[in-house]
Amino acid sequence: MLKDSFQPDMLSQTLKHESLADQIHARLRRAIMSGQLPPGERLVYRTLAAEMGVSSTPVRDAVQRLVSDGVLEMDDRGTAALPRLDPARFVEVIALRIELEGRAAEAAAQGGPELAAELAELNAGMEAARARGDQRTTLDLNERLHFTIVRHAEMPVLEGVLRSLWLQCGPSLQFLYTEDYPKSTLRHPHYDLIEAIGHRDGPAARAAITQDLVRHGCHILRKIRKMVGEDDSGEIPAAWL
């Protein structure tokens, strides 16, 4: 189910306050964000525990946290699974991300040139990873870039909500790295975002985040609609405008 092996002897090297369930939660989160767990995948406690070399109890605790966050769904038999992709749900999640990440970007813009330099470094690493076909690193650096902005906004409640929303988008992010993703000569919104923050221009930073989410969200939405047999008008959802 999960590609890389879990090393029990590494647990003693982690921070003492981090519980085993926290580590498993983080591991499952990475698997969801990197596309290792496809939509509809069922998470069986005993199977996961055997793969990770741990007991079922911390696995169950970690999975139930993901259920509580709305990332996983629980069926009538008590088995957790990754929700299947749904166009309406995706539109709603992106609409919320546009509002919340836009607000965070506007607040974080006061970080100015120092924050812009940090973001530029992450973006350069992301572009390099994408050029060499390293999807997992690309996704990781993209997430780090967005949450570096959120962290600088100093809104912990908003950050918690966004982490849940990102996880709900996780399985669909793989569509950004398929062969049919349209090649564009347009300037990537990340560059506009970094420039706006460098000039401490909050409204411009919000606009750049919105452009980023709408542009890539439209491509993902087309793929999801195609998968479920829905027609796609090609129009940007009204909730994103």
Protein backbone atom coordinates (compact mmCIF):
# COMPACT_ATOMS: atom_id res chain seq x y z
CA MET A 1 0.00 0.00 0.00
CA LEU A 2 2.76 2.44 0.98
CA LYS A 3 5.95 2.39 -1.04
CA ASP A 4 8.66 3.22 1.46
CA SER A 5 9.19 1.07 4.52
CA PHE A 6 8.61 2.33 8.04
CA GLN A 7 11.67 1.97 10.24
CA PRO A 8 10.71 1.33 13.90
CA ASP A 9 14.27 2.02 15.08
CA MET A 10 13.94 5.58 13.79
CA LEU A 11 11.17 6.27 16.29
CA SER A 12 13.62 6.69 19.17
CA GLN A 13 15.35 9.46 17.24
CA THR A 14 12.24 11.63 16.99
CA LEU A 15 11.28 14.37 19.40
CA LYS A 16 10.12 12.97 22.72
CA HIS A 17 6.83 14.85 22.69
CA GLU A 18 5.85 13.38 19.33
CA SER A 19 3.72 10.30 19.85
CA LEU A 20 3.73 7.24 17.64
CA ALA A 21 0.25 8.15 16.43
CA ASP A 22 1.55 11.60 15.42
CA GLN A 23 4.29 10.00 13.35
CA ILE A 24 1.88 7.62 11.64
CA HIS A 25 -0.52 10.52 10.99
CA ALA A 26 2.33 12.45 9.34
CA ARG A 27 3.30 9.39 7.29
CA LEU A 28 -0.26 8.87 6.04
CA ARG A 29 -0.56 12.56 5.32
CA ARG A 30 2.55 12.47 3.13
CA ALA A 31 1.21 9.41 1.33
CA ILE A 32 -2.07 11.19 0.58
CA MET A 33 -0.39 14.39 -0.57
CA SER A 34 2.06 12.53 -2.83
CA GLY A 35 -0.67 10.47 -4.48
CA GLN A 36 0.50 7.12 -3.05
CA LEU A 37 -3.04 6.53 -1.79
CA PRO A 38 -5.48 6.79 -4.72
CA PRO A 39 -9.13 7.89 -4.35
CA GLY A 40 -11.26 5.05 -2.99
CA GLU A 41 -8.30 3.33 -1.30
CA ARG A 42 -9.38 1.51 1.89
CA LEU A 43 -7.12 1.78 4.93
CA VAL A 44 -7.14 -1.46 6.91
CA TYR A 45 -5.64 -1.03 10.38
CA ARG A 46 -3.98 -4.43 10.56
CA THR A 47 -2.46 -4.11 7.09
CA LEU A 48 -1.04 -0.66 7.80
CA ALA A 49 0.23 -1.76 11.21
CA ALA A 50 2.04 -4.74 9.67
CA GLU A 51 3.65 -2.55 7.01
CA MET A 52 4.81 -0.04 9.61
CA GLY A 53 5.92 -2.58 12.20
CA VAL A 54 3.66 -1.18 14.92
CA SER A 55 0.49 -2.20 16.74
CA SER A 56 -2.98 -1.39 15.42
CA THR A 57 -3.79 1.10 18.20
CA PRO A 58 -1.66 4.07 17.05
CA VAL A 59 -2.66 3.36 13.45
CA ARG A 60 -6.33 3.52 14.41
CA ASP A 61 -5.76 6.78 16.31
CA ALA A 62 -3.98 8.35 13.33
CA VAL A 63 -6.64 7.23 10.84
CA GLN A 64 -9.46 8.48 13.05
CA ARG A 65 -7.80 11.90 13.20
CA LEU A 66 -7.89 12.00 9.40
CA VAL A 67 -11.55 10.99 9.48
CA SER A 68 -12.29 13.80 11.96
CA ASP A 69 -10.50 16.25 9.67
CA GLY A 70 -12.74 15.22 6.76
CA VAL A 71 -9.81 13.77 4.83
CA LEU A 72 -11.00 10.15 5.09
CA GLU A 73 -14.51 8.70 5.16
CA MET A 74 -15.72 5.86 7.38
CA ASP A 75 -18.12 3.29 5.95
CA ASP A 76 -20.82 1.35 7.82
CA ARG A 77 -18.34 -1.43 8.61
CA GLY A 78 -15.93 0.98 10.27
CA THR A 79 -13.37 0.94 7.46
CA ALA A 80 -11.76 4.24 6.51
CA ALA A 81 -11.18 5.13 2.87
CA LEU A 82 -10.01 8.05 0.80
CA PRO A 83 -13.08 9.75 -0.72
CA ARG A 84 -13.57 9.34 -4.44
CA LEU A 85 -13.05 12.53 -6.42
CA ASP A 86 -16.19 14.64 -6.69
CA PRO A 87 -16.42 17.81 -8.84
CA ALA A 88 -18.75 19.71 -6.50
CA ARG A 89 -16.60 18.97 -3.46
CA PHE A 90 -13.45 20.01 -5.31
CA VAL A 91 -15.04 23.33 -6.36
CA GLU A 92 -16.01 24.02 -2.75
CA VAL A 93 -12.56 23.18 -1.37
CA ILE A 94 -10.79 25.41 -3.89
CA ALA A 95 -13.24 28.25 -3.21
CA LEU A 96 -12.37 28.05 0.48
CA ARG A 97 -8.66 27.90 -0.27
CA ILE A 98 -8.92 30.99 -2.49
CA GLU A 99 -10.52 32.96 0.34
CA LEU A 100 -8.30 31.74 3.16
CA GLU A 101 -4.97 31.62 1.34
CA GLY A 102 -5.72 35.01 -0.17
CA ARG A 103 -6.24 36.43 3.29
CA ALA A 104 -3.04 34.80 4.53
CA ALA A 105 -1.02 36.12 1.58
CA GLU A 106 -2.28 39.64 2.15
CA ALA A 107 -1.24 39.51 5.81
CA ALA A 108 2.08 37.77 5.14
CA ALA A 109 3.08 40.35 2.53
CA GLN A 110 4.41 42.47 5.37
CA GLY A 111 7.29 39.98 5.52
CA GLY A 112 8.73 41.88 2.57
CA PRO A 113 12.05 41.07 0.87
CA GLU A 114 13.18 38.58 3.52
CA LEU A 115 10.09 36.40 3.08
CA ALA A 116 10.24 36.86 -0.70
CA ALA A 117 13.81 35.51 -0.74
CA GLU A 118 12.73 32.42 1.22
CA LEU A 119 9.85 31.82 -1.18
CA ALA A 120 12.07 32.33 -4.23
CA GLU A 121 14.42 29.62 -2.99
CA LEU A 122 11.55 27.17 -2.51
CA ASN A 123 10.13 28.03 -5.92
CA ALA A 124 13.50 27.50 -7.61
CA GLY A 125 13.78 24.08 -6.00
CA MET A 126 10.26 23.26 -7.12
CA GLU A 127 10.98 24.24 -10.72
CA ALA A 128 14.19 22.18 -10.73
CA ALA A 129 12.36 19.13 -9.34
CA ARG A 130 9.63 19.45 -11.92
CA ALA A 131 12.18 19.76 -14.74
CA ARG A 132 13.76 16.44 -13.76
CA GLY A 133 10.38 14.73 -13.38
CA ASP A 134 10.49 14.44 -9.59
CA GLN A 135 6.78 14.73 -8.83
CA ARG A 136 7.04 13.96 -5.12
CA THR A 137 9.61 16.68 -4.43
CA THR A 138 7.70 19.14 -6.59
CA LEU A 139 4.51 18.57 -4.60
CA ASP A 140 6.38 18.80 -1.31
CA LEU A 141 8.08 22.09 -2.18
CA ASN A 142 4.86 23.57 -3.54
CA GLU A 143 3.13 22.77 -0.25
CA ARG A 144 6.04 24.19 1.73
CA LEU A 145 5.92 27.42 -0.29
CA HIS A 146 2.22 27.92 0.33
CA PHE A 147 2.45 27.12 4.04
CA THR A 148 5.51 29.33 4.52
CA ILE A 149 3.19 32.17 3.53
CA VAL A 150 0.45 30.92 5.84
CA ARG A 151 2.91 30.60 8.73
CA HIS A 152 4.07 34.20 8.27
CA ALA A 153 0.45 35.36 8.39
CA GLU A 154 0.45 34.23 12.05
CA MET A 155 -3.11 32.88 11.93
CA PRO A 156 -2.94 29.45 13.59
CA VAL A 157 -6.66 28.70 13.33
CA LEU A 158 -6.67 29.54 9.63
CA GLU A 159 -3.56 27.39 9.15
CA GLY A 160 -5.27 24.39 10.74
CA VAL A 161 -8.28 24.73 8.45
CA LEU A 162 -6.05 25.06 5.40
CA ARG A 163 -4.08 21.94 6.25
CA SER A 164 -7.32 19.97 6.24
CA LEU A 165 -8.37 21.52 2.92
CA TRP A 166 -5.00 20.72 1.36
CA LEU A 167 -5.31 17.09 2.39
CA GLN A 168 -8.74 16.92 0.78
CA CYS A 169 -7.13 18.17 -2.45
CA GLY A 170 -4.18 15.79 -2.12
CA PRO A 171 -5.29 12.91 -4.36
CA SER A 172 -6.19 15.31 -7.18
CA LEU A 173 -2.82 17.10 -7.28
CA GLN A 174 -1.35 14.27 -9.34
CA PHE A 175 -3.29 15.66 -12.33
CA LEU A 176 -0.92 18.62 -12.44
CA TYR A 177 1.88 16.30 -13.53
CA THR A 178 0.26 14.24 -16.26
CA GLU A 179 1.45 14.29 -19.86
CA ASP A 180 -1.70 16.06 -21.05
CA TYR A 181 -1.23 19.00 -18.69
CA PRO A 182 -1.29 22.02 -21.03
CA LYS A 183 2.10 23.59 -21.63
CA SER A 184 1.96 27.30 -21.01
CA THR A 185 4.28 30.15 -21.82
CA LEU A 186 2.46 32.29 -19.28
CA ARG A 187 4.41 33.49 -16.27
CA HIS A 188 3.72 31.24 -13.29
CA PRO A 189 1.67 33.01 -10.58
CA HIS A 190 4.32 32.10 -8.01
CA TYR A 191 6.61 34.73 -9.54
CA ASP A 192 3.91 37.41 -9.24
CA LEU A 193 3.28 36.28 -5.67
CA ILE A 194 6.94 36.52 -4.70
CA GLU A 195 7.27 39.91 -6.37
CA ALA A 196 4.18 41.25 -4.58
CA ILE A 197 5.46 40.10 -1.19
CA GLY A 198 8.86 41.60 -1.94
CA HIS A 199 7.10 44.95 -2.39
CA ARG A 200 4.86 44.37 0.64
CA ASP A 201 1.84 44.64 -1.67
CA GLY A 202 -0.88 42.67 0.11
CA PRO A 203 -3.68 43.02 -2.49
CA ALA A 204 -1.31 41.95 -5.29
CA ALA A 205 -0.22 38.93 -3.24
CA ARG A 206 -3.86 37.94 -2.76
CA ALA A 207 -4.51 38.32 -6.50
CA ALA A 208 -1.50 36.12 -7.35
CA ILE A 209 -2.63 33.34 -4.99
CA THR A 210 -6.10 33.49 -6.55
CA GLN A 211 -4.65 33.26 -10.05
CA ASP A 212 -2.51 30.27 -9.03
CA LEU A 213 -5.43 28.35 -7.55
CA VAL A 214 -7.87 29.16 -10.35
CA ARG A 215 -5.46 28.32 -13.19
CA HIS A 216 -4.42 24.95 -11.82
CA GLY A 217 -7.81 24.23 -10.28
CA CYS A 218 -9.51 24.49 -13.68
CA HIS A 219 -7.24 21.81 -15.14
CA ILE A 220 -7.82 19.45 -12.20
CA LEU A 221 -11.57 20.05 -12.34
CA ARG A 222 -11.67 19.08 -16.03
CA LYS A 223 -9.89 15.83 -15.21
CA ILE A 224 -12.24 15.02 -12.32
CA ARG A 225 -15.32 15.74 -14.41
CA LYS A 226 -14.01 13.51 -17.17
CA MET A 227 -13.40 10.69 -14.68
CA VAL A 228 -16.98 10.81 -13.38
CA GLY A 229 -18.56 11.29 -16.81
CA GLU A 230 -19.65 14.91 -16.38
CA ASP A 231 -19.58 17.47 -19.18
CA ASP A 232 -17.15 20.35 -18.76
CA SER A 233 -18.17 23.77 -20.01
CA GLY A 234 -14.64 25.11 -19.70
CA GLU A 235 -15.90 28.04 -17.65
CA ILE A 236 -14.35 29.05 -14.35
CA PRO A 237 -16.72 28.09 -11.50
CA ALA A 238 -18.61 31.11 -10.18
CA ALA A 239 -17.50 30.25 -6.63
CA TRP A 240 -13.91 30.94 -7.65
CA LEU A 241 -14.56 34.43 -9.01
